[in-house]
N, C-alpha and C. Protein backbone atom coordinates (compact mmCIF):
# COMPACT_ATOMS: atom_id res chain seq x y z
N UNK A 1 -30.35 -23.03 42.05
CA UNK A 1 -31.66 -24.13 42.17
C UNK A 1 -31.64 -25.32 42.66
N UNK A 2 -30.31 -25.98 42.54
CA UNK A 2 -30.27 -27.73 42.82
C UNK A 2 -30.32 -27.75 44.13
N UNK A 3 -28.57 -26.91 44.66
CA UNK A 3 -28.37 -27.11 46.36
C UNK A 3 -29.36 -26.42 47.02
N UNK A 4 -30.22 -25.31 46.60
CA UNK A 4 -31.41 -25.40 47.70
C UNK A 4 -32.26 -26.43 47.78
N UNK A 5 -32.84 -26.96 46.78
CA UNK A 5 -33.44 -28.20 46.58
C UNK A 5 -33.00 -28.98 47.52
N UNK A 6 -31.74 -29.58 47.28
CA UNK A 6 -30.96 -30.75 47.82
C UNK A 6 -31.25 -30.43 49.76
N UNK A 7 -30.32 -29.24 49.75
CA UNK A 7 -30.25 -28.75 51.28
C UNK A 7 -31.62 -28.65 51.69
N UNK A 8 -32.62 -28.31 51.39
CA UNK A 8 -34.03 -28.62 52.03
C UNK A 8 -34.58 -30.19 52.38
N UNK A 9 -33.87 -31.11 51.46
CA UNK A 9 -33.66 -32.52 51.81
C UNK A 9 -33.50 -33.01 52.76
N UNK A 10 -32.75 -31.95 53.45
CA UNK A 10 -31.76 -32.73 54.38
C UNK A 10 -31.53 -31.55 55.53
N UNK A 11 -32.72 -30.77 55.84
CA UNK A 11 -33.29 -30.21 56.59
C UNK A 11 -33.94 -31.33 57.98
N UNK A 12 -34.22 -30.44 59.25
CA UNK A 12 -34.68 -31.32 60.07
C UNK A 12 -36.96 -31.11 59.64
N UNK A 13 -36.99 -32.33 59.90
CA UNK A 13 -38.27 -33.13 59.68
C UNK A 13 -39.19 -31.68 59.95
N UNK A 14 -39.13 -30.58 61.35
CA UNK A 14 -39.66 -29.57 61.45
C UNK A 14 -39.83 -28.48 60.53
N UNK A 15 -38.68 -28.84 59.50
CA UNK A 15 -38.43 -27.55 58.87
C UNK A 15 -38.53 -27.88 57.22
N UNK A 16 -39.42 -29.31 57.49
CA UNK A 16 -40.05 -29.33 56.32
C UNK A 16 -39.03 -30.46 55.54
N UNK A 17 -38.16 -31.28 56.53
CA UNK A 17 -36.43 -31.63 55.49
C UNK A 17 -37.42 -33.40 56.04
N UNK A 18 -36.08 -33.98 55.87
CA UNK A 18 -36.23 -35.62 56.21
C UNK A 18 -35.36 -35.88 56.68
N UNK A 19 -34.41 -34.93 57.71
CA UNK A 19 -33.19 -35.46 58.54
C UNK A 19 -33.60 -35.36 60.33
N UNK A 20 -34.34 -36.27 60.74
CA UNK A 20 -34.71 -36.23 62.09
C UNK A 20 -33.60 -36.17 63.10
N UNK A 21 -32.54 -36.43 62.91
CA UNK A 21 -31.30 -36.64 64.02
C UNK A 21 -30.22 -35.28 63.86
N UNK A 22 -30.61 -34.47 62.86
CA UNK A 22 -29.60 -34.25 62.17
C UNK A 22 -28.44 -33.85 62.34
N UNK A 23 -27.95 -35.64 61.62
CA UNK A 23 -26.81 -35.53 61.43
C UNK A 23 -26.11 -35.57 59.39
N UNK A 24 -26.74 -34.80 59.08
CA UNK A 24 -26.32 -34.41 57.83
C UNK A 24 -26.98 -35.14 56.81
N UNK A 25 -27.42 -36.97 57.27
CA UNK A 25 -27.79 -37.61 56.15
C UNK A 25 -28.75 -37.62 56.81
N UNK A 26 -29.67 -38.95 55.43
CA UNK A 26 -31.17 -39.24 55.89
C UNK A 26 -30.94 -41.11 55.56
N UNK A 27 -31.17 -41.77 56.83
CA UNK A 27 -31.34 -42.64 57.04
C UNK A 27 -32.19 -42.95 56.14
N UNK A 28 -32.36 -44.81 55.98
CA UNK A 28 -33.93 -45.37 55.52
C UNK A 28 -34.86 -45.17 56.48
N UNK A 29 -34.54 -45.20 57.78
CA UNK A 29 -35.61 -44.34 58.90
C UNK A 29 -36.36 -43.70 58.78
N UNK A 30 -34.91 -42.65 58.82
CA UNK A 30 -36.30 -41.52 58.38
C UNK A 30 -36.70 -41.24 57.21
N UNK A 31 -35.78 -41.59 56.21
CA UNK A 31 -36.44 -41.62 54.46
C UNK A 31 -38.47 -41.67 54.56
N UNK A 32 -37.82 -42.80 54.96
CA UNK A 32 -39.31 -44.35 55.56
C UNK A 32 -40.49 -44.06 55.75
N UNK A 33 -40.49 -43.17 56.87
CA UNK A 33 -41.26 -42.57 57.74
C UNK A 33 -42.30 -42.14 56.63
N UNK A 34 -43.93 -41.63 56.62
CA UNK A 34 -44.68 -41.09 56.27
C UNK A 34 -44.61 -41.79 54.68
N UNK A 35 -43.94 -42.73 54.32
CA UNK A 35 -43.61 -42.65 53.08
C UNK A 35 -44.98 -43.82 52.44
N UNK A 36 -44.41 -45.24 52.61
CA UNK A 36 -44.96 -45.60 52.33
C UNK A 36 -44.53 -46.82 51.25
N UNK A 37 -45.33 -47.41 50.37
CA UNK A 37 -45.19 -48.21 49.22
C UNK A 37 -44.55 -47.33 47.93
N UNK A 38 -42.98 -47.49 47.91
CA UNK A 38 -42.16 -47.12 47.16
C UNK A 38 -41.39 -46.35 47.19
N UNK A 39 -41.39 -46.54 48.70
CA UNK A 39 -39.81 -45.49 49.70
C UNK A 39 -38.57 -46.51 49.34
N UNK A 40 -38.71 -48.05 49.51
CA UNK A 40 -37.55 -49.20 49.88
C UNK A 40 -37.06 -48.80 48.43
N UNK A 41 -38.05 -48.46 47.47
CA UNK A 41 -37.39 -48.86 45.82
C UNK A 41 -36.63 -47.33 45.52
N UNK A 42 -37.64 -46.24 46.42
CA UNK A 42 -36.68 -45.08 45.87
C UNK A 42 -35.05 -44.82 46.62
N UNK A 43 -35.35 -45.28 47.28
CA UNK A 43 -34.25 -45.13 48.85
C UNK A 43 -33.06 -45.88 48.76
N UNK A 44 -33.30 -47.06 47.71
CA UNK A 44 -32.44 -47.85 47.06
C UNK A 44 -31.85 -47.36 45.53
N UNK A 45 -32.59 -46.42 45.34
CA UNK A 45 -32.32 -45.58 44.16
C UNK A 45 -31.44 -43.99 44.76
N UNK A 46 -31.89 -44.14 45.85
CA UNK A 46 -31.25 -42.47 46.52
C UNK A 46 -30.07 -43.21 46.77
N UNK A 47 -29.83 -44.15 47.18
CA UNK A 47 -28.60 -44.49 48.13
C UNK A 47 -27.52 -45.82 47.51
N UNK A 48 -26.94 -45.14 46.57
CA UNK A 48 -25.83 -46.59 45.62
C UNK A 48 -25.33 -47.24 45.86
N UNK A 49 -24.18 -46.31 46.86
CA UNK A 49 -23.57 -47.15 47.70
C UNK A 49 -23.86 -48.58 49.34
N UNK A 50 -25.49 -48.46 48.78
CA UNK A 50 -25.96 -49.66 49.66
C UNK A 50 -25.69 -49.05 51.17
N UNK A 51 -25.02 -47.78 51.44
CA UNK A 51 -25.04 -48.53 53.42
C UNK A 51 -26.07 -47.72 54.35
N UNK A 52 -26.95 -47.66 53.52
CA UNK A 52 -28.00 -47.04 54.65
C UNK A 52 -28.31 -45.67 54.88
N UNK A 53 -27.52 -44.48 54.11
CA UNK A 53 -27.49 -43.41 54.10
C UNK A 53 -27.46 -42.43 52.82
N UNK A 54 -28.32 -41.48 53.28
CA UNK A 54 -28.04 -41.01 52.01
C UNK A 54 -27.12 -39.76 52.46
N UNK A 55 -26.27 -39.13 51.57
CA UNK A 55 -25.60 -38.41 51.43
C UNK A 55 -25.97 -37.47 50.84
N UNK A 56 -25.22 -36.21 50.91
CA UNK A 56 -25.49 -35.05 49.98
C UNK A 56 -24.73 -35.33 48.91
N UNK A 57 -23.90 -36.04 48.43
CA UNK A 57 -23.16 -35.89 47.52
C UNK A 57 -23.34 -37.31 46.58
N UNK A 58 -24.52 -38.00 47.69
CA UNK A 58 -25.03 -39.44 46.75
C UNK A 58 -26.35 -38.40 45.93
N UNK A 59 -27.10 -37.61 46.98
CA UNK A 59 -28.02 -37.00 46.19
C UNK A 59 -27.69 -35.97 44.98
N UNK A 60 -26.70 -35.19 45.24
CA UNK A 60 -25.84 -34.25 44.09
C UNK A 60 -26.46 -34.93 42.93
N UNK A 61 -25.16 -36.40 43.20
CA UNK A 61 -25.31 -37.31 42.23
C UNK A 61 -25.92 -37.97 41.24
N UNK A 62 -27.35 -38.20 41.91
CA UNK A 62 -27.90 -39.27 41.40
C UNK A 62 -29.51 -37.61 40.92
N UNK A 63 -29.73 -36.44 41.51
CA UNK A 63 -30.23 -35.82 41.11
C UNK A 63 -29.56 -34.94 39.60
N UNK A 64 -28.14 -34.97 39.79
CA UNK A 64 -27.20 -34.75 38.52
C UNK A 64 -27.50 -35.79 37.32
N UNK A 65 -28.09 -36.96 37.40
CA UNK A 65 -28.02 -38.12 37.02
C UNK A 65 -29.65 -37.52 35.71
N UNK A 66 -30.08 -37.69 37.07
CA UNK A 66 -31.98 -37.61 36.69
C UNK A 66 -31.68 -36.31 35.37
N UNK A 67 -31.55 -35.18 36.03
CA UNK A 67 -31.41 -34.15 35.00
C UNK A 67 -30.73 -34.55 33.40
N UNK A 68 -29.92 -35.18 33.70
CA UNK A 68 -29.59 -35.18 32.65
C UNK A 68 -29.95 -36.22 31.61
N UNK A 69 -31.49 -37.83 32.05
CA UNK A 69 -32.00 -38.18 31.74
C UNK A 69 -32.88 -38.10 31.21
N UNK A 70 -33.22 -38.84 29.64
CA UNK A 70 -34.17 -38.71 28.94
C UNK A 70 -35.90 -38.29 29.37
N UNK A 71 -35.75 -39.30 30.46
CA UNK A 71 -36.54 -39.35 31.82
C UNK A 71 -37.72 -37.80 31.98
N UNK A 72 -36.35 -37.15 32.32
CA UNK A 72 -36.50 -35.55 32.81
C UNK A 72 -37.19 -34.47 31.75
N UNK A 73 -36.93 -34.93 30.17
CA UNK A 73 -36.97 -34.14 29.35
C UNK A 73 -38.22 -34.64 28.99
N UNK A 74 -39.37 -35.30 29.48
CA UNK A 74 -40.34 -35.23 28.51
C UNK A 74 -41.54 -34.90 29.00
N UNK A 75 -42.73 -34.78 27.89
CA UNK A 75 -43.89 -33.56 28.06
C UNK A 75 -44.48 -34.45 29.03
N UNK A 76 -45.63 -33.86 29.58
CA UNK A 76 -46.44 -34.38 29.98
C UNK A 76 -47.53 -35.61 29.49
N UNK A 77 -47.89 -35.68 27.95
CA UNK A 77 -48.22 -36.74 27.12
C UNK A 77 -47.18 -37.52 26.68
N UNK A 78 -46.02 -36.86 26.58
CA UNK A 78 -44.91 -38.01 26.55
C UNK A 78 -44.63 -39.12 27.87
N UNK A 79 -44.81 -38.64 29.22
CA UNK A 79 -44.75 -39.28 30.66
C UNK A 79 -46.17 -39.94 30.77
N UNK A 80 -47.18 -39.56 30.05
CA UNK A 80 -48.48 -40.65 30.02
C UNK A 80 -47.98 -41.68 29.11
N UNK A 81 -47.14 -41.51 27.51
CA UNK A 81 -47.11 -42.78 26.98
C UNK A 81 -46.15 -44.06 27.39
N UNK A 82 -45.61 -43.16 28.08
CA UNK A 82 -44.24 -43.57 29.03
C UNK A 82 -45.12 -44.48 30.02
N UNK A 83 -45.40 -43.74 30.98
CA UNK A 83 -46.29 -44.97 31.63
C UNK A 83 -46.86 -45.70 31.40
N UNK A 84 -47.68 -45.63 30.53
CA UNK A 84 -48.84 -46.67 29.47
C UNK A 84 -47.84 -47.64 28.67
N UNK A 85 -46.23 -47.43 28.67
CA UNK A 85 -46.24 -48.65 27.69
C UNK A 85 -45.50 -49.75 29.21
N UNK A 86 -45.87 -51.33 28.63
CA UNK A 86 -45.58 -52.68 29.51
C UNK A 86 -43.88 -51.94 29.41
N UNK A 87 -43.49 -51.74 28.81
CA UNK A 87 -42.46 -51.83 28.49
C UNK A 87 -40.53 -50.63 29.56
N UNK A 88 -41.82 -49.69 29.47
CA UNK A 88 -41.06 -48.67 30.53
C UNK A 88 -41.61 -49.09 32.14
N UNK A 89 -43.13 -49.52 31.94
CA UNK A 89 -43.42 -49.46 33.65
C UNK A 89 -44.23 -50.57 33.03
N UNK A 90 -43.72 -51.61 33.91
CA UNK A 90 -44.51 -52.92 33.25
C UNK A 90 -45.27 -53.09 34.31
N UNK A 91 -46.91 -52.78 34.18
CA UNK A 91 -47.64 -52.72 35.34
C UNK A 91 -48.41 -51.97 35.03
N UNK A 92 -49.88 -52.22 34.98
CA UNK A 92 -51.12 -51.63 34.24
C UNK A 92 -51.20 -49.85 34.53
N UNK A 93 -50.83 -48.98 34.41
CA UNK A 93 -51.55 -47.62 34.92
C UNK A 93 -52.19 -46.67 34.07
N UNK A 94 -53.21 -47.94 33.25
CA UNK A 94 -54.19 -47.01 32.38
C UNK A 94 -55.01 -45.87 33.40
N UNK A 95 -55.94 -47.06 34.46
CA UNK A 95 -56.42 -45.81 34.89
C UNK A 95 -55.95 -45.15 35.83
N UNK A 96 -55.03 -44.40 36.08
CA UNK A 96 -53.83 -43.44 36.55
C UNK A 96 -53.57 -42.27 35.44
N UNK A 97 -53.88 -41.98 34.57
CA UNK A 97 -53.25 -41.47 32.86
C UNK A 97 -53.84 -39.88 33.02
N UNK A 98 -55.28 -40.10 33.34
CA UNK A 98 -55.91 -39.05 33.79
C UNK A 98 -55.76 -38.16 34.68
N UNK A 99 -54.56 -38.82 35.88
CA UNK A 99 -54.42 -37.85 37.37
C UNK A 99 -53.35 -37.53 36.91
N UNK A 100 -51.93 -38.09 35.50
CA UNK A 100 -50.72 -37.55 35.34
C UNK A 100 -51.31 -36.58 34.39
N UNK A 101 -52.23 -36.40 33.59
CA UNK A 101 -52.56 -34.96 32.52
C UNK A 101 -52.93 -34.05 34.11
N UNK A 102 -54.25 -34.07 34.60
CA UNK A 102 -54.78 -33.73 35.49
C UNK A 102 -53.60 -32.47 36.63
N UNK A 103 -52.19 -33.10 36.97
CA UNK A 103 -51.48 -32.35 38.08
C UNK A 103 -50.61 -32.11 37.05
N UNK A 104 -50.68 -32.38 35.29
CA UNK A 104 -49.45 -31.68 34.41
C UNK A 104 -48.00 -32.73 34.94
N UNK A 105 -48.04 -33.44 35.04
CA UNK A 105 -46.87 -34.37 35.79
C UNK A 105 -45.99 -34.57 34.41
N UNK A 106 -44.99 -33.81 34.34
CA UNK A 106 -43.81 -33.76 32.61
C UNK A 106 -42.90 -35.03 33.73
N UNK A 107 -41.51 -35.29 32.78
CA UNK A 107 -40.52 -35.56 33.21
C UNK A 107 -40.25 -35.26 34.83
N UNK A 108 -39.75 -33.68 34.35
CA UNK A 108 -38.81 -33.20 35.32
C UNK A 108 -40.12 -33.10 36.66
N UNK A 109 -41.19 -33.84 36.83
CA UNK A 109 -41.90 -33.87 38.55
C UNK A 109 -41.79 -35.19 38.60
N UNK A 110 -41.26 -36.10 37.65
CA UNK A 110 -41.17 -37.71 38.56
C UNK A 110 -40.17 -37.45 39.31
N UNK A 111 -39.53 -36.45 39.41
CA UNK A 111 -38.36 -36.94 40.46
C UNK A 111 -38.64 -36.64 41.78
N UNK A 112 -39.69 -35.44 41.80
CA UNK A 112 -40.62 -35.64 42.82
C UNK A 112 -41.09 -36.39 43.66
N UNK A 113 -42.58 -36.76 43.15
CA UNK A 113 -43.47 -37.91 42.84
C UNK A 113 -42.61 -39.12 42.82
N UNK A 114 -41.69 -39.41 42.65
CA UNK A 114 -41.05 -40.86 42.37
C UNK A 114 -40.61 -41.02 42.72
N UNK A 115 -39.08 -40.13 43.55
CA UNK A 115 -37.76 -40.74 44.10
C UNK A 115 -37.69 -39.85 45.79
N UNK A 116 -37.96 -37.86 44.92
CA UNK A 116 -38.18 -37.56 46.50
C UNK A 116 -38.82 -37.60 47.14
N UNK A 117 -40.32 -38.02 47.18
CA UNK A 117 -41.04 -37.94 47.91
C UNK A 117 -42.24 -39.44 47.60
N UNK A 118 -41.86 -40.36 47.20
CA UNK A 118 -43.19 -41.52 46.50
C UNK A 118 -44.43 -41.01 46.87
N UNK A 119 -44.68 -40.98 48.51
CA UNK A 119 -45.73 -41.36 48.65
C UNK A 119 -46.65 -39.80 48.20
N UNK A 120 -46.66 -38.80 47.54
CA UNK A 120 -47.35 -38.33 47.03
C UNK A 120 -48.00 -39.12 45.29
N UNK A 121 -47.55 -40.25 45.04
CA UNK A 121 -48.17 -41.25 43.92
C UNK A 121 -49.15 -41.37 44.80
N UNK A 122 -49.49 -41.24 46.11
CA UNK A 122 -50.88 -42.11 46.70
C UNK A 122 -51.37 -40.84 46.74
N UNK A 123 -50.72 -39.52 47.07
CA UNK A 123 -51.84 -38.53 48.06
C UNK A 123 -52.28 -37.46 46.97
N UNK A 124 -51.21 -37.81 45.64
CA UNK A 124 -51.89 -37.11 44.52
C UNK A 124 -52.15 -37.36 43.64
N UNK A 125 -51.88 -38.33 43.09
CA UNK A 125 -52.52 -39.06 41.80
C UNK A 125 -53.23 -40.62 42.60
N UNK A 126 -53.48 -41.05 43.15
CA UNK A 126 -54.51 -41.50 43.77
C UNK A 126 -54.01 -42.97 43.59
N UNK A 127 -52.68 -43.26 43.12
CA UNK A 127 -51.94 -44.60 42.87
C UNK A 127 -52.57 -45.30 44.45
N UNK A 128 -53.30 -46.25 44.76
CA UNK A 128 -53.34 -46.51 46.20
C UNK A 128 -52.49 -47.89 46.30
N UNK A 129 -52.81 -48.73 44.82
CA UNK A 129 -51.71 -49.81 45.24
C UNK A 129 -50.10 -49.56 45.40
N UNK A 130 -50.01 -50.27 46.26
CA UNK A 130 -48.46 -50.72 46.71
C UNK A 130 -47.85 -50.90 45.49
N UNK A 131 -47.98 -52.66 45.12
CA UNK A 131 -47.27 -52.78 43.93
C UNK A 131 -47.03 -51.37 41.99
N UNK A 132 -48.01 -50.94 42.46
CA UNK A 132 -47.81 -50.12 41.51
C UNK A 132 -47.34 -48.81 41.45
N UNK A 133 -46.87 -47.95 42.49
CA UNK A 133 -46.25 -47.37 43.52
C UNK A 133 -44.69 -47.75 43.18
N UNK A 134 -44.67 -49.24 43.86
CA UNK A 134 -43.80 -49.22 43.74
C UNK A 134 -42.79 -49.36 42.40
N UNK A 135 -43.61 -50.02 41.38
CA UNK A 135 -42.96 -50.44 40.04
C UNK A 135 -42.80 -49.31 39.73
N UNK A 136 -43.69 -47.85 39.56
CA UNK A 136 -43.43 -47.13 39.02
C UNK A 136 -41.79 -46.01 39.56
N UNK A 137 -42.06 -45.93 41.20
CA UNK A 137 -40.10 -45.87 41.59
C UNK A 137 -39.15 -46.84 41.20
N UNK A 138 -39.58 -47.92 40.61
CA UNK A 138 -38.44 -49.07 39.97
C UNK A 138 -38.18 -48.31 38.41
N UNK A 139 -39.28 -48.38 37.70
CA UNK A 139 -38.83 -47.97 36.20
C UNK A 139 -38.07 -46.50 36.08
N UNK A 140 -39.10 -45.68 37.27
CA UNK A 140 -37.84 -44.37 37.34
C UNK A 140 -36.21 -44.12 37.30
N UNK A 141 -36.45 -44.91 38.95
CA UNK A 141 -34.64 -45.25 38.69
C UNK A 141 -34.00 -45.84 37.79
N UNK A 142 -35.08 -46.91 37.09
CA UNK A 142 -34.23 -47.30 35.73
C UNK A 142 -34.11 -46.46 34.99
N UNK A 143 -34.56 -45.82 34.84
CA UNK A 143 -34.57 -44.49 33.62
C UNK A 143 -32.93 -43.60 33.80
N UNK A 144 -33.06 -43.29 35.12
CA UNK A 144 -32.04 -42.42 35.90
C UNK A 144 -30.69 -43.24 35.73
N UNK A 145 -30.83 -44.37 36.12
CA UNK A 145 -29.68 -45.62 36.41
C UNK A 145 -28.76 -45.56 34.53
N UNK A 146 -29.90 -45.37 33.92
CA UNK A 146 -29.64 -45.66 32.46
C UNK A 146 -30.14 -46.78 32.06
N UNK A 147 -30.94 -47.66 33.07
CA UNK A 147 -31.13 -48.83 32.78
C UNK A 147 -32.45 -49.12 31.62
N UNK A 148 -33.33 -47.79 31.50
CA UNK A 148 -35.05 -47.51 31.80
C UNK A 148 -35.24 -48.05 29.91
N UNK A 149 -35.86 -47.99 29.58
CA UNK A 149 -37.16 -48.32 28.08
C UNK A 149 -36.37 -47.21 27.19
N UNK A 150 -35.70 -45.69 28.05
CA UNK A 150 -35.62 -44.54 27.30
C UNK A 150 -34.05 -44.49 26.82
N UNK A 151 -33.14 -45.62 27.45
CA UNK A 151 -31.62 -45.94 27.51
C UNK A 151 -31.62 -45.87 25.74
N UNK A 152 -30.32 -45.28 24.88
CA UNK A 152 -30.16 -45.97 24.27
C UNK A 152 -29.95 -47.36 23.29
N UNK A 153 -29.60 -48.26 24.17
CA UNK A 153 -29.46 -49.12 23.75
C UNK A 153 -31.31 -49.82 23.52
N UNK A 154 -32.18 -49.64 24.53
CA UNK A 154 -33.09 -49.76 24.79
C UNK A 154 -34.10 -49.15 23.15
N UNK A 155 -34.09 -47.56 23.26
CA UNK A 155 -34.76 -47.61 22.00
C UNK A 155 -35.16 -47.83 20.65
N UNK A 156 -33.72 -48.79 20.12
CA UNK A 156 -34.14 -50.10 19.06
C UNK A 156 -34.46 -50.79 19.26
N UNK A 157 -34.84 -51.55 20.03
CA UNK A 157 -35.02 -52.55 19.93
C UNK A 157 -36.60 -52.92 20.46
N UNK A 158 -37.41 -51.20 21.54
CA UNK A 158 -38.37 -50.79 21.85
C UNK A 158 -39.17 -50.51 20.52
N UNK A 159 -38.25 -49.69 19.64
CA UNK A 159 -38.73 -49.44 18.33
C UNK A 159 -39.10 -50.92 17.62
N UNK A 160 -38.64 -51.92 17.42
CA UNK A 160 -38.95 -52.52 16.55
C UNK A 160 -39.80 -53.74 17.14
N UNK A 161 -40.11 -53.91 18.25
CA UNK A 161 -41.29 -54.68 19.05
C UNK A 161 -42.47 -53.77 18.97
N UNK A 162 -42.46 -52.58 19.28
CA UNK A 162 -43.93 -51.62 19.05
C UNK A 162 -44.18 -51.91 17.25
N UNK A 163 -43.43 -52.02 16.26
CA UNK A 163 -44.25 -52.25 15.13
C UNK A 163 -43.90 -53.37 14.86
N UNK A 164 -43.45 -54.00 15.31
CA UNK A 164 -44.23 -55.30 15.34
C UNK A 164 -44.84 -56.03 15.47
N UNK A 165 -45.82 -54.98 16.45
CA UNK A 165 -47.18 -55.25 17.61
C UNK A 165 -48.24 -54.78 16.19
N UNK A 166 -47.79 -53.59 15.60
CA UNK A 166 -48.43 -52.83 14.78
C UNK A 166 -49.03 -51.82 15.22
N UNK A 167 -48.62 -51.47 16.35
CA UNK A 167 -48.61 -50.05 17.07
C UNK A 167 -48.28 -48.36 15.97
N UNK A 168 -49.38 -48.11 16.69
CA UNK A 168 -49.27 -46.42 15.91
C UNK A 168 -48.24 -46.00 16.41
N UNK A 169 -46.94 -46.23 17.29
CA UNK A 169 -45.71 -45.68 16.97
C UNK A 169 -45.56 -44.55 17.75
N UNK A 170 -46.39 -43.58 17.92
CA UNK A 170 -46.74 -42.15 18.31
C UNK A 170 -45.32 -42.01 19.12
N UNK A 171 -45.68 -42.88 20.40
CA UNK A 171 -44.48 -42.77 21.39
C UNK A 171 -43.13 -42.58 21.12
N UNK A 172 -43.17 -43.90 20.13
CA UNK A 172 -41.57 -44.76 19.92
C UNK A 172 -40.73 -43.03 19.23
N UNK A 173 -41.54 -42.75 17.65
CA UNK A 173 -41.59 -41.30 17.10
C UNK A 173 -41.46 -40.36 17.76
N UNK A 174 -41.98 -40.29 18.90
CA UNK A 174 -41.41 -38.72 19.98
C UNK A 174 -40.28 -39.44 20.61
N UNK A 175 -39.76 -40.39 21.11
CA UNK A 175 -38.88 -40.82 21.67
C UNK A 175 -38.05 -40.84 21.42
N UNK A 176 -37.75 -41.20 19.88
CA UNK A 176 -36.61 -40.79 18.63
C UNK A 176 -36.60 -39.57 18.87
N UNK A 177 -37.37 -38.67 18.48
CA UNK A 177 -37.37 -37.17 18.08
C UNK A 177 -36.54 -36.63 19.51
N UNK A 178 -37.33 -37.33 20.41
CA UNK A 178 -36.53 -36.53 22.24
C UNK A 178 -35.10 -36.62 21.82
N UNK A 179 -34.37 -38.31 21.78
CA UNK A 179 -33.65 -38.78 21.43
C UNK A 179 -32.24 -37.81 20.83
N UNK A 180 -32.97 -37.75 19.57
CA UNK A 180 -32.42 -36.89 18.40
C UNK A 180 -32.02 -35.65 19.23
N UNK A 181 -32.65 -34.83 19.45
CA UNK A 181 -32.46 -33.63 19.76
C UNK A 181 -31.91 -33.38 21.34
N UNK A 182 -32.03 -34.49 21.87
CA UNK A 182 -30.92 -34.59 22.89
C UNK A 182 -29.67 -34.19 22.59
N UNK A 183 -29.19 -35.18 21.52
CA UNK A 183 -27.83 -36.00 21.19
C UNK A 183 -27.52 -34.53 20.58
N UNK A 184 -28.03 -33.63 19.93
CA UNK A 184 -27.78 -32.44 19.79
C UNK A 184 -27.11 -31.15 20.15
N UNK A 185 -27.96 -31.30 21.62
CA UNK A 185 -28.11 -30.15 22.36
C UNK A 185 -26.59 -30.67 22.98
């Protein structure tokens, strides 16, 4: 399934992919066409060597890291908690939380919405603010890279900060449970 999903990304635009010039790579121009805000952030995430081209190998590596990330395992409600946490997504997304529930956006969905096709944040979830779409995509990429709020070293610091605020801690407790469960698997 992973390989077929990657192959579809590298199809020509006429076939539903992004590889307009059929060279087996997706350039920044090809990727950004029709994407809007968030595309630069998503492209940077997909192009780790910063050569202006996304190769199948880069895409495979990033998607593998995404599937291994804690983010990809979150439920719809956990994603809503992640999105609403200022520590994870440092911009107010509260007006969009109902759209995340209505479209059943779980952790796995964030790959499609935030990285592979960030225009869906606008067209499907109604996030019209360019800065919000870009910030959400950056937060997703930080999680994939292991630098987000769900990263093991961040979890302890986040937990103590949330408790210090007197928060309910439901998301923190859920994330700790997920963290423990993933470490057992």
